[in-house]
Amino acid sequence: PGAGETQLFIHPPYSFRAVDRLLTNFHLPRSTLLMLVCAFGGYERVMRAYGEAIEQRYRFYSYGDAMAIV
C-alpha cells in the first residue's frame, strides 16, 4: 500500500481473485469503467443489461441508476 500509479488496465477476460460482488452505476460507452464492469460481469451479460437499461430509460452516469453484480 502507498501512493503511486499503475499501468494495470482491467478489461475482459481479467480474472478477479479477491472480489465477488460489484456495486456500480451505468458508465459511458467505450469507457475504461465500462470495461472494468464487463471484466467482472462478463461482456455479453453486461451489454444485455445495458440494452435493457436503455430500453427502460434508466439514467446513466454519476447521478443515475446503479446496478449490483453478484
PDB file of N, CA and C in Angstrom:
ATOM      1  N   PRO A   1       0.825  -1.201   0.000  1.00  0.00           N
ATOM      2  CA  PRO A   1       0.000   0.000   0.000  1.00  0.00           C
ATOM      3  C   PRO A   1       0.860   1.252   0.000  1.00  0.00           C
ATOM      4  N   GLY A   2       0.385   2.252  -0.707  1.00  0.00           N
ATOM      5  CA  GLY A   2       1.096   3.512  -0.750  1.00  0.00           C
ATOM      6  C   GLY A   2       0.682   4.320  -1.952  1.00  0.00           C
ATOM      7  N   ALA A   3       1.297   5.457  -2.106  1.00  0.00           N
ATOM      8  CA  ALA A   3       0.992   6.345  -3.223  1.00  0.00           C
ATOM      9  C   ALA A   3       1.699   5.852  -4.475  1.00  0.00           C
ATOM     10  N   GLY A   4       1.132   6.185  -5.620  1.00  0.00           N
ATOM     11  CA  GLY A   4       1.773   5.819  -6.866  1.00  0.00           C
ATOM     12  C   GLY A   4       0.773   5.639  -7.985  1.00  0.00           C
ATOM     13  N   GLU A   5       1.250   5.159  -9.095  1.00  0.00           N
ATOM     14  CA  GLU A   5       0.430   4.916 -10.275  1.00  0.00           C
ATOM     15  C   GLU A   5       0.582   3.465 -10.696  1.00  0.00           C
ATOM     16  N   THR A   6      -0.319   3.039 -11.546  1.00  0.00           N
ATOM     17  CA  THR A   6      -0.230   1.695 -12.093  1.00  0.00           C
ATOM     18  C   THR A   6      -0.492   1.747 -13.587  1.00  0.00           C
ATOM     19  N   GLN A   7      -0.009   0.781 -14.285  1.00  0.00           N
ATOM     20  CA  GLN A   7      -0.279   0.629 -15.711  1.00  0.00           C
ATOM     21  C   GLN A   7      -1.342  -0.449 -15.939  1.00  0.00           C
ATOM     22  N   LEU A   8      -1.907  -0.961 -14.854  1.00  0.00           N
ATOM     23  CA  LEU A   8      -2.909  -2.017 -14.945  1.00  0.00           C
ATOM     24  C   LEU A   8      -4.192  -1.487 -15.571  1.00  0.00           C
ATOM     25  N   PHE A   9      -4.677  -2.168 -16.595  1.00  0.00           N
ATOM     26  CA  PHE A   9      -5.945  -1.833 -17.250  1.00  0.00           C
ATOM     27  C   PHE A   9      -6.806  -3.083 -17.188  1.00  0.00           C
ATOM     28  N   ILE A  10      -7.829  -3.065 -16.356  1.00  0.00           N
ATOM     29  CA  ILE A  10      -8.683  -4.238 -16.164  1.00  0.00           C
ATOM     30  C   ILE A  10      -9.767  -4.246 -17.228  1.00  0.00           C
ATOM     31  N   HIS A  11      -9.781  -5.303 -18.022  1.00  0.00           N
ATOM     32  CA  HIS A  11     -10.760  -5.477 -19.098  1.00  0.00           C
ATOM     33  C   HIS A  11     -10.952  -6.971 -19.315  1.00  0.00           C
ATOM     34  N   PRO A  12     -12.017  -7.372 -20.029  1.00  0.00           N
ATOM     35  CA  PRO A  12     -12.217  -8.802 -20.274  1.00  0.00           C
ATOM     36  C   PRO A  12     -11.003  -9.371 -21.012  1.00  0.00           C
ATOM     37  N   PRO A  13     -10.536 -10.502 -20.647  1.00  0.00           N
ATOM     38  CA  PRO A  13     -11.029 -11.530 -19.734  1.00  0.00           C
ATOM     39  C   PRO A  13     -10.299 -11.544 -18.387  1.00  0.00           C
ATOM     40  N   TYR A  14     -10.085 -10.420 -17.772  1.00  0.00           N
ATOM     41  CA  TYR A  14      -9.400 -10.340 -16.477  1.00  0.00           C
ATOM     42  C   TYR A  14     -10.094 -11.249 -15.462  1.00  0.00           C
ATOM     43  N   SER A  15      -9.307 -11.914 -14.641  1.00  0.00           N
ATOM     44  CA  SER A  15      -9.847 -12.826 -13.627  1.00  0.00           C
ATOM     45  C   SER A  15      -9.648 -12.218 -12.237  1.00  0.00           C
ATOM     46  N   PHE A  16     -10.746 -11.857 -11.593  1.00  0.00           N
ATOM     47  CA  PHE A  16     -10.689 -11.278 -10.251  1.00  0.00           C
ATOM     48  C   PHE A  16     -10.410 -12.373  -9.234  1.00  0.00           C
ATOM     49  N   ARG A  17      -9.605 -12.050  -8.211  1.00  0.00           N
ATOM     50  CA  ARG A  17      -9.249 -13.037  -7.196  1.00  0.00           C
ATOM     51  C   ARG A  17      -9.827 -12.721  -5.826  1.00  0.00           C
ATOM     52  N   ALA A  18     -10.086 -11.466  -5.529  1.00  0.00           N
ATOM     53  CA  ALA A  18     -10.488 -11.108  -4.164  1.00  0.00           C
ATOM     54  C   ALA A  18     -11.855 -10.440  -4.090  1.00  0.00           C
ATOM     55  N   VAL A  19     -12.531 -10.310  -5.213  1.00  0.00           N
ATOM     56  CA  VAL A  19     -13.810  -9.596  -5.259  1.00  0.00           C
ATOM     57  C   VAL A  19     -14.867 -10.531  -5.824  1.00  0.00           C
ATOM     58  N   ASP A  20     -16.038 -10.602  -5.168  1.00  0.00           N
ATOM     59  CA  ASP A  20     -17.109 -11.444  -5.702  1.00  0.00           C
ATOM     60  C   ASP A  20     -18.411 -10.686  -5.894  1.00  0.00           C
ATOM     61  N   ARG A  21     -18.410  -9.374  -5.658  1.00  0.00           N
ATOM     62  CA  ARG A  21     -19.589  -8.529  -5.868  1.00  0.00           C
ATOM     63  C   ARG A  21     -19.132  -7.149  -6.303  1.00  0.00           C
ATOM     64  N   LEU A  22     -19.997  -6.470  -7.084  1.00  0.00           N
ATOM     65  CA  LEU A  22     -19.663  -5.127  -7.546  1.00  0.00           C
ATOM     66  C   LEU A  22     -20.923  -4.277  -7.569  1.00  0.00           C
ATOM     67  N   LEU A  23     -20.871  -3.122  -6.930  1.00  0.00           N
ATOM     68  CA  LEU A  23     -21.944  -2.139  -6.970  1.00  0.00           C
ATOM     69  C   LEU A  23     -21.417  -0.954  -7.763  1.00  0.00           C
ATOM     70  N   THR A  24     -22.102  -0.594  -8.842  1.00  0.00           N
ATOM     71  CA  THR A  24     -21.608   0.451  -9.734  1.00  0.00           C
ATOM     72  C   THR A  24     -22.774   1.139 -10.422  1.00  0.00           C
ATOM     73  N   ASN A  25     -22.502   2.268 -11.034  1.00  0.00           N
ATOM     74  CA  ASN A  25     -23.536   2.924 -11.826  1.00  0.00           C
ATOM     75  C   ASN A  25     -23.349   2.539 -13.294  1.00  0.00           C
ATOM     76  N   PHE A  26     -24.173   3.069 -14.171  1.00  0.00           N
ATOM     77  CA  PHE A  26     -24.058   2.807 -15.601  1.00  0.00           C
ATOM     78  C   PHE A  26     -23.090   3.821 -16.199  1.00  0.00           C
ATOM     79  N   HIS A  27     -22.052   3.339 -16.867  1.00  0.00           N
ATOM     80  CA  HIS A  27     -20.957   4.180 -17.338  1.00  0.00           C
ATOM     81  C   HIS A  27     -21.100   4.537 -18.815  1.00  0.00           C
ATOM     82  N   LEU A  28     -20.312   5.510 -19.230  1.00  0.00           N
ATOM     83  CA  LEU A  28     -20.294   5.943 -20.627  1.00  0.00           C
ATOM     84  C   LEU A  28     -19.873   4.805 -21.546  1.00  0.00           C
ATOM     85  N   PRO A  29     -20.439   4.760 -22.761  1.00  0.00           N
ATOM     86  CA  PRO A  29     -19.988   3.770 -23.742  1.00  0.00           C
ATOM     87  C   PRO A  29     -18.498   3.957 -24.030  1.00  0.00           C
ATOM     88  N   ARG A  30     -17.816   2.860 -24.283  1.00  0.00           N
ATOM     89  CA  ARG A  30     -16.398   2.849 -24.644  1.00  0.00           C
ATOM     90  C   ARG A  30     -15.482   3.402 -23.558  1.00  0.00           C
ATOM     91  N   SER A  31     -15.941   3.416 -22.318  1.00  0.00           N
ATOM     92  CA  SER A  31     -15.108   3.939 -21.232  1.00  0.00           C
ATOM     93  C   SER A  31     -14.324   2.812 -20.563  1.00  0.00           C
ATOM     94  N   THR A  32     -13.242   3.177 -19.906  1.00  0.00           N
ATOM     95  CA  THR A  32     -12.469   2.184 -19.162  1.00  0.00           C
ATOM     96  C   THR A  32     -13.283   1.630 -17.998  1.00  0.00           C
ATOM     97  N   LEU A  33     -14.159   2.443 -17.417  1.00  0.00           N
ATOM     98  CA  LEU A  33     -15.012   1.953 -16.327  1.00  0.00           C
ATOM     99  C   LEU A  33     -15.977   0.884 -16.826  1.00  0.00           C
ATOM    100  N   LEU A  34     -16.511   1.059 -18.028  1.00  0.00           N
ATOM    101  CA  LEU A  34     -17.394   0.044 -18.599  1.00  0.00           C
ATOM    102  C   LEU A  34     -16.621  -1.252 -18.836  1.00  0.00           C
ATOM    103  N   MET A  35     -15.374  -1.160 -19.257  1.00  0.00           N
ATOM    104  CA  MET A  35     -14.560  -2.359 -19.463  1.00  0.00           C
ATOM    105  C   MET A  35     -14.292  -3.082 -18.146  1.00  0.00           C
ATOM    106  N   LEU A  36     -14.115  -2.331 -17.068  1.00  0.00           N
ATOM    107  CA  LEU A  36     -13.953  -2.942 -15.749  1.00  0.00           C
ATOM    108  C   LEU A  36     -15.205  -3.733 -15.383  1.00  0.00           C
ATOM    109  N   VAL A  37     -16.380  -3.144 -15.603  1.00  0.00           N
ATOM    110  CA  VAL A  37     -17.648  -3.818 -15.301  1.00  0.00           C
ATOM    111  C   VAL A  37     -17.795  -5.067 -16.170  1.00  0.00           C
ATOM    112  N   CYS A  38     -17.434  -4.967 -17.451  1.00  0.00           N
ATOM    113  CA  CYS A  38     -17.512  -6.125 -18.351  1.00  0.00           C
ATOM    114  C   CYS A  38     -16.557  -7.232 -17.919  1.00  0.00           C
ATOM    115  N   ALA A  39     -15.384  -6.860 -17.435  1.00  0.00           N
ATOM    116  CA  ALA A  39     -14.440  -7.870 -16.949  1.00  0.00           C
ATOM    117  C   ALA A  39     -15.023  -8.609 -15.758  1.00  0.00           C
ATOM    118  N   PHE A  40     -15.764  -7.905 -14.938  1.00  0.00           N
ATOM    119  CA  PHE A  40     -16.335  -8.513 -13.740  1.00  0.00           C
ATOM    120  C   PHE A  40     -17.581  -9.333 -14.055  1.00  0.00           C
ATOM    121  N   GLY A  41     -18.495  -8.773 -14.840  1.00  0.00           N
ATOM    122  CA  GLY A  41     -19.782  -9.418 -15.064  1.00  0.00           C
ATOM    123  C   GLY A  41     -19.907 -10.209 -16.347  1.00  0.00           C
ATOM    124  N   GLY A  42     -18.890 -10.152 -17.198  1.00  0.00           N
ATOM    125  CA  GLY A  42     -18.953 -10.805 -18.499  1.00  0.00           C
ATOM    126  C   GLY A  42     -19.474  -9.842 -19.552  1.00  0.00           C
ATOM    127  N   TYR A  43     -18.754  -9.739 -20.659  1.00  0.00           N
ATOM    128  CA  TYR A  43     -19.077  -8.743 -21.680  1.00  0.00           C
ATOM    129  C   TYR A  43     -20.514  -8.871 -22.191  1.00  0.00           C
ATOM    130  N   GLU A  44     -20.901 -10.055 -22.632  1.00  0.00           N
ATOM    131  CA  GLU A  44     -22.235 -10.236 -23.202  1.00  0.00           C
ATOM    132  C   GLU A  44     -23.331  -9.942 -22.181  1.00  0.00           C
ATOM    133  N   ARG A  45     -23.161 -10.421 -20.971  1.00  0.00           N
ATOM    134  CA  ARG A  45     -24.162 -10.205 -19.925  1.00  0.00           C
ATOM    135  C   ARG A  45     -24.313  -8.718 -19.604  1.00  0.00           C
ATOM    136  N   VAL A  46     -23.212  -8.013 -19.478  1.00  0.00           N
ATOM    137  CA  VAL A  46     -23.264  -6.577 -19.174  1.00  0.00           C
ATOM    138  C   VAL A  46     -23.887  -5.813 -20.336  1.00  0.00           C
ATOM    139  N   MET A  47     -23.551  -6.172 -21.564  1.00  0.00           N
ATOM    140  CA  MET A  47     -24.138  -5.482 -22.720  1.00  0.00           C
ATOM    141  C   MET A  47     -25.650  -5.718 -22.800  1.00  0.00           C
ATOM    142  N   ARG A  48     -26.104  -6.919 -22.442  1.00  0.00           N
ATOM    143  CA  ARG A  48     -27.548  -7.168 -22.384  1.00  0.00           C
ATOM    144  C   ARG A  48     -28.199  -6.304 -21.313  1.00  0.00           C
ATOM    145  N   ALA A  49     -27.552  -6.181 -20.162  1.00  0.00           N
ATOM    146  CA  ALA A  49     -28.075  -5.334 -19.079  1.00  0.00           C
ATOM    147  C   ALA A  49     -28.136  -3.878 -19.527  1.00  0.00           C
ATOM    148  N   TYR A  50     -27.129  -3.420 -20.233  1.00  0.00           N
ATOM    149  CA  TYR A  50     -27.134  -2.043 -20.737  1.00  0.00           C
ATOM    150  C   TYR A  50     -28.249  -1.844 -21.757  1.00  0.00           C
ATOM    151  N   GLY A  51     -28.466  -2.834 -22.620  1.00  0.00           N
ATOM    152  CA  GLY A  51     -29.566  -2.748 -23.581  1.00  0.00           C
ATOM    153  C   GLY A  51     -30.910  -2.629 -22.884  1.00  0.00           C
ATOM    154  N   GLU A  52     -31.111  -3.427 -21.856  1.00  0.00           N
ATOM    155  CA  GLU A  52     -32.344  -3.357 -21.066  1.00  0.00           C
ATOM    156  C   GLU A  52     -32.460  -2.008 -20.362  1.00  0.00           C
ATOM    157  N   ALA A  53     -31.359  -1.511 -19.836  1.00  0.00           N
ATOM    158  CA  ALA A  53     -31.369  -0.211 -19.146  1.00  0.00           C
ATOM    159  C   ALA A  53     -31.750   0.914 -20.106  1.00  0.00           C
ATOM    160  N   ILE A  54     -31.242   0.859 -21.319  1.00  0.00           N
ATOM    161  CA  ILE A  54     -31.590   1.871 -22.326  1.00  0.00           C
ATOM    162  C   ILE A  54     -33.063   1.763 -22.682  1.00  0.00           C
ATOM    163  N   GLU A  55     -33.523   0.533 -22.903  1.00  0.00           N
ATOM    164  CA  GLU A  55     -34.929   0.305 -23.249  1.00  0.00           C
ATOM    165  C   GLU A  55     -35.870   0.799 -22.154  1.00  0.00           C
ATOM    166  N   GLN A  56     -35.483   0.598 -20.906  1.00  0.00           N
ATOM    167  CA  GLN A  56     -36.317   1.002 -19.769  1.00  0.00           C
ATOM    168  C   GLN A  56     -36.064   2.451 -19.340  1.00  0.00           C
ATOM    169  N   ARG A  57     -35.216   3.137 -20.081  1.00  0.00           N
ATOM    170  CA  ARG A  57     -34.912   4.557 -19.850  1.00  0.00           C
ATOM    171  C   ARG A  57     -34.270   4.814 -18.485  1.00  0.00           C
ATOM    172  N   TYR A  58     -33.354   3.918 -18.095  1.00  0.00           N
ATOM    173  CA  TYR A  58     -32.583   4.148 -16.871  1.00  0.00           C
ATOM    174  C   TYR A  58     -31.712   5.377 -17.069  1.00  0.00           C
ATOM    175  N   ARG A  59     -31.328   5.979 -15.973  1.00  0.00           N
ATOM    176  CA  ARG A  59     -30.426   7.129 -16.024  1.00  0.00           C
ATOM    177  C   ARG A  59     -28.990   6.634 -15.916  1.00  0.00           C
ATOM    178  N   PHE A  60     -28.122   7.229 -16.689  1.00  0.00           N
ATOM    179  CA  PHE A  60     -26.719   6.832 -16.720  1.00  0.00           C
ATOM    180  C   PHE A  60     -25.855   7.886 -16.033  1.00  0.00           C
ATOM    181  N   TYR A  61     -24.585   7.543 -15.850  1.00  0.00           N
ATOM    182  CA  TYR A  61     -23.539   8.424 -15.333  1.00  0.00           C
ATOM    183  C   TYR A  61     -23.649   8.635 -13.824  1.00  0.00           C
ATOM    184  N   SER A  62     -23.049   9.657 -13.326  1.00  0.00           N
ATOM    185  CA  SER A  62     -22.851   9.834 -11.885  1.00  0.00           C
ATOM    186  C   SER A  62     -24.131   9.954 -11.072  1.00  0.00           C
ATOM    187  N   TYR A  63     -25.163  10.567 -11.609  1.00  0.00           N
ATOM    188  CA  TYR A  63     -26.392  10.771 -10.840  1.00  0.00           C
ATOM    189  C   TYR A  63     -27.522   9.871 -11.329  1.00  0.00           C
ATOM    190  N   GLY A  64     -27.169   8.767 -11.942  1.00  0.00           N
ATOM    191  CA  GLY A  64     -28.174   7.886 -12.497  1.00  0.00           C
ATOM    192  C   GLY A  64     -28.428   6.656 -11.649  1.00  0.00           C
ATOM    193  N   ASP A  65     -28.993   5.649 -12.312  1.00  0.00           N
ATOM    194  CA  ASP A  65     -29.308   4.391 -11.647  1.00  0.00           C
ATOM    195  C   ASP A  65     -28.034   3.577 -11.421  1.00  0.00           C
ATOM    196  N   ALA A  66     -28.133   2.618 -10.541  1.00  0.00           N
ATOM    197  CA  ALA A  66     -26.991   1.758 -10.214  1.00  0.00           C
ATOM    198  C   ALA A  66     -27.357   0.303 -10.468  1.00  0.00           C
ATOM    199  N   MET A  67     -26.348  -0.551 -10.474  1.00  0.00           N
ATOM    200  CA  MET A  67     -26.578  -1.986 -10.593  1.00  0.00           C
ATOM    201  C   MET A  67     -25.636  -2.710  -9.647  1.00  0.00           C
ATOM    202  N   ALA A  68     -26.091  -3.851  -9.196  1.00  0.00           N
ATOM    203  CA  ALA A  68     -25.272  -4.719  -8.350  1.00  0.00           C
ATOM    204  C   ALA A  68     -25.034  -6.011  -9.113  1.00  0.00           C
ATOM    205  N   ILE A  69     -23.796  -6.399  -9.234  1.00  0.00           N
ATOM    206  CA  ILE A  69     -23.435  -7.660  -9.878  1.00  0.00           C
ATOM    207  C   ILE A  69     -22.974  -8.599  -8.772  1.00  0.00           C
ATOM    208  N   VAL A  70     -23.700  -9.704  -8.613  1.00  0.00           N
ATOM    209  CA  VAL A  70     -23.365 -10.670  -7.556  1.00  0.00           C
ATOM    210  C   VAL A  70     -23.154 -12.049  -8.136  1.00  0.00           C
TER     211      VAL A  70
END
